[in-house]
Amino acid sequence: MDAAAGATRRVCVTGAGGFIASWLVKLLLSKGYIVHGTVRDLGDKKNAHLKELENASANLQLFKADMLDYDSVRSAIAGCEGVFHVACPVPSTRSLNPDVSLFFIFIDSYHSISFF
């Protein structure tokens, strides 16, 4: 990825506040990409470091998104050429069979962005 490759190209990174995704956001911003990042809570201080990244003030827009909510994901990826789906959906309830439940949560999350 050279800097010219990202010029005016727009991508979305889900779970932007997470460890791996935040490094990806940093890389994309350094290459000139416009980045839409999704986070669970816009006011969470764990996401503050994203706004301090080089080029973030001009090229980073954060969106509150629930990976299981089609409409919140749709607004985050609108106008993007690609999606880096790094987020891990977090279930809102406790499951009696977490392995099976998480599998279906991941599938639902994937379907939320698969229209892209």
N, C-alpha and C. Protein backbone atom coordinates (compact mmCIF):
# COMPACT_ATOMS: atom_id res chain seq x y z
N MET A 1 0.84 -1.19 0.00
CA MET A 1 0.00 0.00 0.00
C MET A 1 0.87 1.24 0.00
N ASP A 2 0.89 1.95 -1.08
CA ASP A 2 1.61 3.22 -1.04
C ASP A 2 0.63 4.35 -0.76
N ALA A 3 1.17 5.51 -0.41
CA ALA A 3 0.32 6.64 0.01
C ALA A 3 -0.64 7.06 -1.09
N ALA A 4 -0.21 6.98 -2.34
CA ALA A 4 -1.07 7.39 -3.45
C ALA A 4 -2.25 6.43 -3.61
N ALA A 5 -2.06 5.18 -3.20
CA ALA A 5 -3.12 4.18 -3.36
C ALA A 5 -4.36 4.55 -2.57
N GLY A 6 -4.18 5.17 -1.43
CA GLY A 6 -5.32 5.48 -0.59
C GLY A 6 -5.97 6.82 -0.86
N ALA A 7 -5.36 7.64 -1.70
CA ALA A 7 -5.87 8.99 -1.91
C ALA A 7 -7.35 8.96 -2.30
N THR A 8 -8.16 9.55 -1.46
CA THR A 8 -9.61 9.69 -1.59
C THR A 8 -10.37 8.36 -1.63
N ARG A 9 -9.74 7.27 -1.31
CA ARG A 9 -10.45 5.99 -1.23
C ARG A 9 -11.01 5.87 0.18
N ARG A 10 -12.23 5.36 0.27
CA ARG A 10 -12.95 5.29 1.55
C ARG A 10 -13.20 3.83 1.89
N VAL A 11 -12.82 3.44 3.11
CA VAL A 11 -13.04 2.08 3.59
C VAL A 11 -13.61 2.14 5.01
N CYS A 12 -14.20 1.04 5.43
CA CYS A 12 -14.74 0.94 6.78
C CYS A 12 -13.98 -0.13 7.54
N VAL A 13 -13.67 0.15 8.80
CA VAL A 13 -13.05 -0.83 9.69
C VAL A 13 -14.00 -1.04 10.85
N THR A 14 -14.56 -2.25 10.97
CA THR A 14 -15.46 -2.52 12.09
C THR A 14 -14.63 -2.82 13.33
N GLY A 15 -15.15 -2.43 14.47
CA GLY A 15 -14.43 -2.65 15.73
C GLY A 15 -13.16 -1.82 15.83
N ALA A 16 -13.21 -0.60 15.29
CA ALA A 16 -12.01 0.24 15.16
C ALA A 16 -11.26 0.48 16.46
N GLY A 17 -11.93 0.41 17.59
CA GLY A 17 -11.27 0.66 18.86
C GLY A 17 -10.50 -0.53 19.41
N GLY A 18 -10.66 -1.68 18.79
CA GLY A 18 -9.96 -2.88 19.25
C GLY A 18 -8.48 -2.86 18.90
N PHE A 19 -7.73 -3.77 19.50
CA PHE A 19 -6.28 -3.78 19.34
C PHE A 19 -5.86 -3.93 17.88
N ILE A 20 -6.30 -4.96 17.22
CA ILE A 20 -5.89 -5.20 15.83
C ILE A 20 -6.48 -4.15 14.91
N ALA A 21 -7.76 -3.86 15.08
CA ALA A 21 -8.41 -2.90 14.19
C ALA A 21 -7.81 -1.50 14.31
N SER A 22 -7.41 -1.09 15.51
CA SER A 22 -6.84 0.25 15.64
C SER A 22 -5.49 0.36 14.93
N TRP A 23 -4.73 -0.72 14.89
CA TRP A 23 -3.48 -0.72 14.10
C TRP A 23 -3.80 -0.63 12.61
N LEU A 24 -4.86 -1.31 12.19
CA LEU A 24 -5.28 -1.24 10.79
C LEU A 24 -5.74 0.17 10.44
N VAL A 25 -6.50 0.80 11.32
CA VAL A 25 -6.93 2.19 11.11
C VAL A 25 -5.71 3.09 10.96
N LYS A 26 -4.73 2.91 11.83
CA LYS A 26 -3.51 3.72 11.77
C LYS A 26 -2.81 3.55 10.42
N LEU A 27 -2.69 2.31 9.97
CA LEU A 27 -2.04 2.03 8.68
C LEU A 27 -2.81 2.68 7.53
N LEU A 28 -4.11 2.49 7.51
CA LEU A 28 -4.92 3.04 6.43
C LEU A 28 -4.84 4.57 6.39
N LEU A 29 -4.91 5.21 7.56
CA LEU A 29 -4.79 6.66 7.62
C LEU A 29 -3.42 7.12 7.11
N SER A 30 -2.38 6.38 7.45
CA SER A 30 -1.03 6.76 7.01
C SER A 30 -0.86 6.63 5.50
N LYS A 31 -1.71 5.81 4.89
CA LYS A 31 -1.67 5.62 3.43
C LYS A 31 -2.64 6.53 2.70
N GLY A 32 -3.30 7.42 3.45
CA GLY A 32 -4.16 8.40 2.82
C GLY A 32 -5.61 8.00 2.65
N TYR A 33 -6.01 6.87 3.19
CA TYR A 33 -7.40 6.44 3.09
C TYR A 33 -8.30 7.27 3.99
N ILE A 34 -9.54 7.44 3.57
CA ILE A 34 -10.58 7.97 4.43
C ILE A 34 -11.18 6.75 5.11
N VAL A 35 -11.24 6.78 6.44
CA VAL A 35 -11.65 5.60 7.20
C VAL A 35 -12.92 5.89 7.98
N HIS A 36 -13.90 5.01 7.80
CA HIS A 36 -15.08 4.97 8.66
C HIS A 36 -14.82 3.87 9.67
N GLY A 37 -14.78 4.21 10.92
CA GLY A 37 -14.54 3.21 11.96
C GLY A 37 -15.78 3.00 12.80
N THR A 38 -16.12 1.74 13.07
CA THR A 38 -17.26 1.50 13.94
C THR A 38 -16.77 1.18 15.34
N VAL A 39 -17.52 1.67 16.32
CA VAL A 39 -17.26 1.40 17.73
C VAL A 39 -18.61 1.17 18.42
N ARG A 40 -18.59 0.49 19.55
CA ARG A 40 -19.84 0.26 20.28
C ARG A 40 -20.34 1.52 20.97
N ASP A 41 -19.40 2.35 21.46
CA ASP A 41 -19.77 3.54 22.23
C ASP A 41 -18.86 4.69 21.83
N LEU A 42 -19.42 5.69 21.18
CA LEU A 42 -18.62 6.84 20.73
C LEU A 42 -17.97 7.59 21.88
N GLY A 43 -18.59 7.56 23.07
CA GLY A 43 -18.06 8.29 24.21
C GLY A 43 -17.07 7.51 25.05
N ASP A 44 -16.82 6.26 24.71
CA ASP A 44 -15.91 5.42 25.51
C ASP A 44 -14.47 5.92 25.35
N LYS A 45 -13.82 6.19 26.49
CA LYS A 45 -12.46 6.75 26.44
C LYS A 45 -11.45 5.78 25.84
N LYS A 46 -11.79 4.50 25.73
CA LYS A 46 -10.85 3.55 25.12
C LYS A 46 -10.67 3.82 23.62
N ASN A 47 -11.58 4.62 23.03
CA ASN A 47 -11.48 4.95 21.62
C ASN A 47 -10.79 6.28 21.37
N ALA A 48 -10.44 6.99 22.44
CA ALA A 48 -9.86 8.33 22.30
C ALA A 48 -8.55 8.33 21.50
N HIS A 49 -7.79 7.24 21.60
CA HIS A 49 -6.51 7.20 20.89
C HIS A 49 -6.68 7.28 19.37
N LEU A 50 -7.85 6.86 18.88
CA LEU A 50 -8.08 6.90 17.44
C LEU A 50 -8.07 8.33 16.91
N LYS A 51 -8.60 9.24 17.69
CA LYS A 51 -8.68 10.63 17.26
C LYS A 51 -7.31 11.31 17.28
N GLU A 52 -6.35 10.69 17.94
CA GLU A 52 -4.99 11.25 18.02
C GLU A 52 -4.09 10.73 16.90
N LEU A 53 -4.56 9.80 16.11
CA LEU A 53 -3.73 9.24 15.04
C LEU A 53 -3.47 10.28 13.96
N GLU A 54 -2.32 10.15 13.31
CA GLU A 54 -1.97 11.05 12.22
C GLU A 54 -3.05 10.99 11.14
N ASN A 55 -3.48 12.13 10.67
CA ASN A 55 -4.51 12.29 9.63
C ASN A 55 -5.93 11.99 10.11
N ALA A 56 -6.11 11.64 11.38
CA ALA A 56 -7.43 11.29 11.88
C ALA A 56 -8.40 12.47 11.85
N SER A 57 -7.90 13.65 12.14
CA SER A 57 -8.82 14.80 12.18
C SER A 57 -9.49 15.04 10.83
N ALA A 58 -8.79 14.74 9.75
CA ALA A 58 -9.35 14.96 8.43
C ALA A 58 -9.96 13.71 7.81
N ASN A 59 -9.42 12.54 8.16
CA ASN A 59 -9.79 11.33 7.41
C ASN A 59 -10.43 10.21 8.22
N LEU A 60 -10.76 10.45 9.47
CA LEU A 60 -11.38 9.39 10.27
C LEU A 60 -12.74 9.86 10.77
N GLN A 61 -13.74 9.04 10.52
CA GLN A 61 -15.08 9.30 11.05
C GLN A 61 -15.52 8.05 11.79
N LEU A 62 -15.89 8.24 13.06
CA LEU A 62 -16.34 7.11 13.88
C LEU A 62 -17.86 7.04 13.88
N PHE A 63 -18.36 5.80 13.89
CA PHE A 63 -19.79 5.54 13.89
C PHE A 63 -20.12 4.60 15.03
N LYS A 64 -21.19 4.88 15.75
CA LYS A 64 -21.70 3.95 16.74
C LYS A 64 -22.43 2.86 15.96
N ALA A 65 -22.00 1.62 16.15
CA ALA A 65 -22.62 0.54 15.38
C ALA A 65 -22.68 -0.74 16.21
N ASP A 66 -23.78 -1.42 16.07
CA ASP A 66 -23.98 -2.75 16.63
C ASP A 66 -23.91 -3.70 15.45
N MET A 67 -22.98 -4.61 15.45
CA MET A 67 -22.78 -5.50 14.32
C MET A 67 -24.00 -6.36 14.00
N LEU A 68 -24.93 -6.44 14.93
CA LEU A 68 -26.14 -7.23 14.69
C LEU A 68 -27.30 -6.36 14.23
N ASP A 69 -27.06 -5.06 14.08
CA ASP A 69 -28.10 -4.12 13.65
C ASP A 69 -27.77 -3.63 12.25
N TYR A 70 -28.51 -4.13 11.29
CA TYR A 70 -28.28 -3.83 9.88
C TYR A 70 -28.19 -2.33 9.61
N ASP A 71 -29.11 -1.55 10.16
CA ASP A 71 -29.15 -0.11 9.86
C ASP A 71 -27.93 0.63 10.39
N SER A 72 -27.45 0.28 11.57
CA SER A 72 -26.27 0.98 12.09
C SER A 72 -25.02 0.62 11.29
N VAL A 73 -24.94 -0.60 10.84
CA VAL A 73 -23.80 -1.01 10.01
C VAL A 73 -23.90 -0.35 8.64
N ARG A 74 -25.09 -0.31 8.10
CA ARG A 74 -25.29 0.28 6.76
C ARG A 74 -24.83 1.73 6.73
N SER A 75 -25.14 2.50 7.76
CA SER A 75 -24.72 3.91 7.76
C SER A 75 -23.21 4.03 7.83
N ALA A 76 -22.55 3.11 8.50
CA ALA A 76 -21.09 3.17 8.61
C ALA A 76 -20.39 2.83 7.30
N ILE A 77 -20.95 1.92 6.54
CA ILE A 77 -20.26 1.51 5.30
C ILE A 77 -20.75 2.24 4.06
N ALA A 78 -21.72 3.11 4.22
CA ALA A 78 -22.22 3.87 3.07
C ALA A 78 -21.08 4.65 2.42
N GLY A 79 -20.93 4.50 1.13
CA GLY A 79 -19.92 5.23 0.38
C GLY A 79 -18.54 4.61 0.43
N CYS A 80 -18.38 3.47 1.09
CA CYS A 80 -17.07 2.83 1.21
C CYS A 80 -16.85 1.84 0.06
N GLU A 81 -15.58 1.72 -0.34
CA GLU A 81 -15.21 0.76 -1.38
C GLU A 81 -14.94 -0.62 -0.81
N GLY A 82 -14.65 -0.68 0.47
CA GLY A 82 -14.33 -1.96 1.09
C GLY A 82 -14.59 -1.91 2.58
N VAL A 83 -14.70 -3.11 3.15
CA VAL A 83 -14.94 -3.25 4.60
C VAL A 83 -13.94 -4.23 5.16
N PHE A 84 -13.26 -3.83 6.22
CA PHE A 84 -12.42 -4.72 7.00
C PHE A 84 -13.24 -5.10 8.22
N HIS A 85 -13.79 -6.30 8.23
CA HIS A 85 -14.69 -6.72 9.31
C HIS A 85 -13.86 -7.37 10.42
N VAL A 86 -13.43 -6.53 11.36
CA VAL A 86 -12.55 -6.96 12.45
C VAL A 86 -13.31 -7.08 13.76
N ALA A 87 -14.48 -6.47 13.84
CA ALA A 87 -15.26 -6.44 15.08
C ALA A 87 -15.68 -7.83 15.51
N CYS A 88 -15.79 -7.98 16.80
CA CYS A 88 -16.33 -9.19 17.40
C CYS A 88 -17.66 -8.82 18.03
N PRO A 89 -18.76 -9.34 17.50
CA PRO A 89 -20.06 -9.02 18.10
C PRO A 89 -20.13 -9.46 19.56
N VAL A 90 -20.77 -8.65 20.37
CA VAL A 90 -20.91 -8.96 21.78
C VAL A 90 -22.39 -9.23 22.06
N PRO A 91 -22.70 -10.45 22.48
CA PRO A 91 -24.11 -10.76 22.76
C PRO A 91 -24.62 -9.97 23.96
N SER A 92 -25.89 -9.62 23.93
CA SER A 92 -26.46 -8.82 25.01
C SER A 92 -26.99 -9.68 26.16
N THR A 93 -27.08 -10.99 25.95
CA THR A 93 -27.58 -11.89 26.98
C THR A 93 -26.64 -13.06 27.16
N ARG A 94 -26.73 -13.71 28.29
CA ARG A 94 -25.91 -14.88 28.57
C ARG A 94 -26.57 -16.11 27.95
N SER A 95 -25.77 -16.98 27.38
CA SER A 95 -26.29 -18.15 26.68
C SER A 95 -26.00 -19.42 27.47
N LEU A 96 -26.91 -20.38 27.35
CA LEU A 96 -26.68 -21.70 27.96
C LEU A 96 -25.67 -22.52 27.16
N ASN A 97 -25.52 -22.20 25.89
CA ASN A 97 -24.58 -22.89 25.03
C ASN A 97 -23.78 -21.85 24.25
N PRO A 98 -22.76 -21.24 24.88
CA PRO A 98 -22.08 -20.11 24.27
C PRO A 98 -21.40 -20.43 22.94
N ASP A 99 -20.87 -21.64 22.78
CA ASP A 99 -20.19 -21.97 21.51
C ASP A 99 -21.15 -21.87 20.34
N VAL A 100 -22.33 -22.44 20.48
CA VAL A 100 -23.32 -22.41 19.41
C VAL A 100 -23.86 -21.00 19.25
N SER A 101 -24.16 -20.33 20.35
CA SER A 101 -24.70 -18.97 20.27
C SER A 101 -23.74 -18.02 19.58
N LEU A 102 -22.46 -18.08 19.94
CA LEU A 102 -21.48 -17.18 19.33
C LEU A 102 -21.33 -17.46 17.84
N PHE A 103 -21.42 -18.73 17.46
CA PHE A 103 -21.35 -19.07 16.04
C PHE A 103 -22.45 -18.34 15.27
N PHE A 104 -23.68 -18.41 15.77
CA PHE A 104 -24.79 -17.75 15.08
C PHE A 104 -24.70 -16.23 15.16
N ILE A 105 -24.15 -15.71 16.22
CA ILE A 105 -23.94 -14.25 16.32
C ILE A 105 -22.95 -13.80 15.26
N PHE A 106 -21.87 -14.57 15.06
CA PHE A 106 -20.89 -14.21 14.03
C PHE A 106 -21.53 -14.29 12.64
N ILE A 107 -22.35 -15.29 12.41
CA ILE A 107 -23.03 -15.42 11.12
C ILE A 107 -23.96 -14.23 10.90
N ASP A 108 -24.74 -13.86 11.92
CA ASP A 108 -25.63 -12.71 11.80
C ASP A 108 -24.84 -11.43 11.54
N SER A 109 -23.71 -11.28 12.20
CA SER A 109 -22.86 -10.11 12.01
C SER A 109 -22.37 -10.05 10.57
N TYR A 110 -21.94 -11.18 10.06
CA TYR A 110 -21.47 -11.23 8.67
C TYR A 110 -22.60 -10.84 7.72
N HIS A 111 -23.79 -11.35 7.96
CA HIS A 111 -24.93 -11.01 7.10
C HIS A 111 -25.26 -9.53 7.15
N SER A 112 -24.98 -8.87 8.26
CA SER A 112 -25.25 -7.44 8.37
C SER A 112 -24.43 -6.64 7.38
N ILE A 113 -23.24 -7.14 7.03
CA ILE A 113 -22.39 -6.40 6.09
C ILE A 113 -22.31 -7.06 4.73
N SER A 114 -22.89 -8.24 4.56
CA SER A 114 -22.72 -8.98 3.32
C SER A 114 -23.40 -8.33 2.12
N PHE A 115 -24.34 -7.43 2.35
CA PHE A 115 -24.99 -6.76 1.22
C PHE A 115 -24.02 -5.86 0.49
N PHE A 116 -22.91 -5.53 1.15
CA PHE A 116 -21.95 -4.59 0.62
C PHE A 116 -21.38 -5.16 -0.66
